[in-house]
Amino acid sequence: MFPIFTIFIVFLIILSYYIKKSNAAQNKAHEDFWEKERKSNAVRKKDIARLDYITIPFEKIPQQLHTSTEEEFFSLAEKNMLNLTGISNTDLKLQYGAANLAFLSACDANFTEMVALLPKYAGELLEAGQENTARELLEFAVSCNADSRKIYSQLAAIYKSHNETDNLRKLIEASEQLPVLTKRTIQKELSELIEN
């Protein structure tokens, strides 16, 4: 009876120690976050004119489908776009100033909209027999580190249909740059295409 009680007490002491340690680490992380946020709000506005803005190569895309997707896609022509995937608002404010956050967030939202529209538009181009245009568009998206599985799978299907194994391998290499969890899924799908 006595050893069981002792073991139970030791267990409670160890458990209490780890709970306190976990709470302390959580409190520290919370304090660090708010300190970083406070500092980021004090950063002055910086020049963002030379950032790597994304421009869709519309000169290579004939506007011939006259679909709502094409219209939405071409409406992005006048909008500023930046791929800010994986960068927190706090880090954006620290790097470029709090006053630029709304503009940078809008640029990122425009990029996200483009990434969402692009596979649908590429699909319409493929259905219309405009494979070369679809291919250019998809390759452009990959060059911008678009993190859409659909973009990679559509482009991979084009490469596969032309037996372009080297381009499939390059596509896997390009996916290494993706800062998102979908990277492994994309790479697995592409590897399976090469093997089959």
Protein backbone atom coordinates (compact mmCIF):
# COMPACT_ATOMS: atom_id res chain seq x y z
CA MET A 1 0.00 0.00 0.00
CA PHE A 2 2.76 2.41 0.98
CA PRO A 3 4.80 2.09 -2.30
CA ILE A 4 1.71 2.74 -4.44
CA PHE A 5 0.95 5.91 -2.48
CA THR A 6 4.59 7.04 -2.82
CA ILE A 7 4.59 6.39 -6.56
CA PHE A 8 1.34 8.35 -6.88
CA ILE A 9 2.81 11.32 -4.95
CA VAL A 10 5.99 11.26 -7.08
CA PHE A 11 3.83 11.13 -10.21
CA LEU A 12 1.83 14.19 -9.03
CA ILE A 13 5.04 16.11 -8.29
CA ILE A 14 6.48 15.33 -11.74
CA LEU A 15 3.17 16.18 -13.42
CA SER A 16 2.97 19.47 -11.52
CA TYR A 17 6.54 20.32 -12.56
CA TYR A 18 5.82 19.75 -16.26
CA ILE A 19 2.54 21.68 -16.11
CA LYS A 20 4.34 24.67 -14.54
CA LYS A 21 7.13 24.40 -17.11
CA SER A 22 4.62 24.29 -19.97
CA ASN A 23 2.66 27.24 -18.56
CA ALA A 24 5.86 29.26 -18.16
CA ALA A 25 6.88 28.55 -21.76
CA GLN A 26 3.41 29.48 -22.99
CA ASN A 27 3.40 32.71 -20.98
CA LYS A 28 6.86 33.59 -22.35
CA ALA A 29 5.73 32.96 -25.92
CA HIS A 30 2.64 35.10 -25.30
CA GLU A 31 4.72 37.94 -23.84
CA ASP A 32 7.25 37.70 -26.70
CA PHE A 33 4.45 37.88 -29.26
CA TRP A 34 2.92 41.02 -27.73
CA GLU A 35 6.34 42.65 -27.38
CA LYS A 36 7.07 41.96 -31.06
CA GLU A 37 3.62 43.29 -31.98
CA ARG A 38 4.23 46.46 -29.93
CA LYS A 39 7.56 47.03 -31.67
CA SER A 40 6.05 46.40 -35.10
CA ASN A 41 3.39 49.05 -34.53
CA ALA A 42 6.12 51.61 -33.88
CA VAL A 43 8.04 50.98 -37.14
CA ARG A 44 7.87 53.92 -39.52
CA LYS A 45 6.58 53.59 -43.06
CA LYS A 46 9.26 52.37 -45.47
CA ASP A 47 9.59 52.63 -49.24
CA ILE A 48 7.94 49.62 -50.85
CA ALA A 49 8.17 50.77 -54.47
CA ARG A 50 10.97 48.33 -55.27
CA LEU A 51 9.33 45.19 -53.95
CA ASP A 52 9.05 42.24 -56.32
CA TYR A 53 5.52 42.97 -57.56
CA ILE A 54 3.98 40.28 -59.71
CA THR A 55 2.80 41.19 -63.18
CA ILE A 56 0.76 38.71 -65.20
CA PRO A 57 2.18 38.45 -68.75
CA PHE A 58 -1.11 39.45 -70.39
CA GLU A 59 0.66 40.15 -73.70
CA LYS A 60 1.11 36.37 -74.06
CA ILE A 61 -2.53 35.59 -73.29
CA PRO A 62 -5.06 36.31 -76.04
CA GLN A 63 -8.36 37.29 -74.49
CA GLN A 64 -10.60 35.13 -76.67
CA LEU A 65 -12.74 32.95 -74.40
CA HIS A 66 -15.07 35.70 -73.15
CA THR A 67 -15.93 33.77 -70.00
CA SER A 68 -16.54 35.23 -66.56
CA THR A 69 -13.34 33.55 -65.34
CA GLU A 70 -11.33 35.21 -68.09
CA GLU A 71 -12.89 38.60 -67.26
CA GLU A 72 -12.11 38.16 -63.55
CA PHE A 73 -8.57 37.10 -64.38
CA PHE A 74 -7.96 40.07 -66.68
CA SER A 75 -9.42 42.42 -64.05
CA LEU A 76 -6.29 41.68 -62.01
CA ALA A 77 -4.23 43.56 -64.61
CA GLU A 78 -4.56 46.87 -62.80
CA LYS A 79 -4.01 45.46 -59.32
CA ASN A 80 -0.74 45.24 -57.41
CA MET A 81 0.20 41.72 -56.39
CA LEU A 82 2.76 40.26 -54.01
CA ASN A 83 3.24 36.70 -52.81
CA LEU A 84 3.47 37.17 -49.06
CA THR A 85 2.55 33.59 -48.17
CA GLY A 86 3.95 32.58 -44.81
CA ILE A 87 4.76 36.13 -43.65
CA SER A 88 2.77 37.28 -40.63
CA ASN A 89 1.23 40.74 -40.34
CA THR A 90 3.58 41.46 -37.46
CA ASP A 91 6.62 40.61 -39.60
CA LEU A 92 5.27 42.76 -42.46
CA LYS A 93 4.91 45.70 -40.08
CA LEU A 94 8.41 45.16 -38.68
CA GLN A 95 9.92 45.08 -42.16
CA TYR A 96 7.88 47.74 -43.98
CA GLY A 97 6.12 49.78 -41.31
CA ALA A 98 2.63 49.55 -39.86
CA ALA A 99 1.31 52.19 -42.27
CA ASN A 100 1.99 49.86 -45.24
CA LEU A 101 0.14 46.87 -43.79
CA ALA A 102 -3.25 47.53 -45.44
CA PHE A 103 -1.67 47.99 -48.88
CA LEU A 104 0.56 44.92 -48.53
CA SER A 105 -2.38 42.85 -47.32
CA ALA A 106 -4.38 43.94 -50.38
CA CYS A 107 -1.46 42.96 -52.65
CA ASP A 108 -1.35 39.53 -51.02
CA ALA A 109 -5.14 39.17 -51.35
CA ASN A 110 -4.86 39.98 -55.07
CA PHE A 111 -2.18 37.31 -55.46
CA THR A 112 -4.35 34.79 -53.61
CA GLU A 113 -7.24 35.66 -55.92
CA MET A 114 -5.01 35.11 -58.96
CA VAL A 115 -3.84 31.72 -57.62
CA ALA A 116 -7.46 30.68 -57.09
CA LEU A 117 -8.60 31.84 -60.56
CA LEU A 118 -5.63 30.59 -62.55
CA PRO A 119 -6.33 26.82 -62.53
CA LYS A 120 -9.95 27.42 -63.54
CA TYR A 121 -8.90 29.74 -66.36
CA ALA A 122 -6.14 27.33 -67.47
CA GLY A 123 -8.76 24.57 -67.55
CA GLU A 124 -10.97 26.69 -69.81
CA LEU A 125 -8.00 27.40 -72.08
CA LEU A 126 -7.22 23.69 -72.29
CA GLU A 127 -10.84 22.88 -73.15
CA ALA A 128 -10.69 25.52 -75.89
CA GLY A 129 -7.60 23.87 -77.36
CA GLN A 130 -5.21 26.62 -76.24
CA GLU A 131 -2.69 24.36 -74.53
CA ASN A 132 0.34 26.61 -75.18
CA THR A 133 -1.37 29.59 -73.55
CA ALA A 134 -2.47 27.46 -70.59
CA ARG A 135 1.06 26.12 -70.26
CA GLU A 136 2.61 29.61 -70.25
CA LEU A 137 0.11 30.74 -67.65
CA LEU A 138 0.73 27.72 -65.40
CA GLU A 139 4.51 28.07 -65.74
CA PHE A 140 4.18 31.72 -64.81
CA ALA A 141 2.23 30.73 -61.66
CA VAL A 142 4.92 28.21 -60.67
CA SER A 143 7.60 30.90 -61.16
CA CYS A 144 5.67 33.05 -58.63
CA ASN A 145 5.69 30.18 -56.09
CA ALA A 146 1.91 29.80 -56.28
CA ASP A 147 0.98 27.18 -53.71
CA SER A 148 -1.95 25.59 -55.53
CA ARG A 149 -1.91 21.83 -56.03
CA LYS A 150 -4.20 22.26 -59.04
CA ILE A 151 -1.67 24.50 -60.81
CA TYR A 152 1.08 21.91 -60.39
CA SER A 153 -1.13 18.98 -61.40
CA GLN A 154 -2.43 20.76 -64.53
CA LEU A 155 1.08 21.69 -65.64
CA ALA A 156 2.37 18.21 -64.81
CA ALA A 157 -0.40 16.68 -66.94
CA ILE A 158 0.70 18.83 -69.89
CA TYR A 159 4.34 17.78 -69.40
CA LYS A 160 3.30 14.14 -69.04
CA SER A 161 1.26 14.22 -72.25
CA HIS A 162 4.40 15.34 -74.12
CA ASN A 163 6.73 12.91 -72.25
CA GLU A 164 8.68 15.84 -70.75
CA THR A 165 10.19 13.97 -67.79
CA ASP A 166 12.88 16.62 -67.25
CA ASN A 167 10.23 19.31 -66.88
CA LEU A 168 8.34 17.11 -64.40
CA ARG A 169 11.53 16.83 -62.34
CA LYS A 170 12.05 20.60 -62.54
CA LEU A 171 8.47 21.01 -61.32
CA ILE A 172 9.30 18.89 -58.26
CA GLU A 173 12.37 21.07 -57.66
CA ALA A 174 10.24 24.21 -58.00
CA SER A 175 7.83 22.87 -55.39
CA GLU A 176 10.71 22.83 -52.88
CA GLN A 177 10.35 26.62 -52.69
CA LEU A 178 6.77 26.40 -51.43
CA PRO A 179 6.45 27.52 -47.82
CA VAL A 180 3.27 25.54 -47.19
CA LEU A 181 2.19 22.11 -46.04
CA THR A 182 0.85 21.25 -49.50
CA LYS A 183 4.46 20.84 -50.71
CA ARG A 184 4.61 17.14 -49.77
CA THR A 185 1.25 16.39 -51.40
CA ILE A 186 2.34 18.13 -54.60
CA GLN A 187 5.69 16.33 -54.65
CA LYS A 188 4.07 12.93 -54.05
CA GLU A 189 1.60 13.50 -56.90
CA LEU A 190 4.38 14.62 -59.26
CA SER A 191 6.64 11.70 -58.32
CA GLU A 192 3.80 9.27 -59.06
CA LEU A 193 3.35 10.87 -62.48
CA ILE A 194 7.03 10.36 -63.28
CA GLU A 195 6.94 6.72 -62.16
CA ASN A 196 3.80 5.82 -64.18
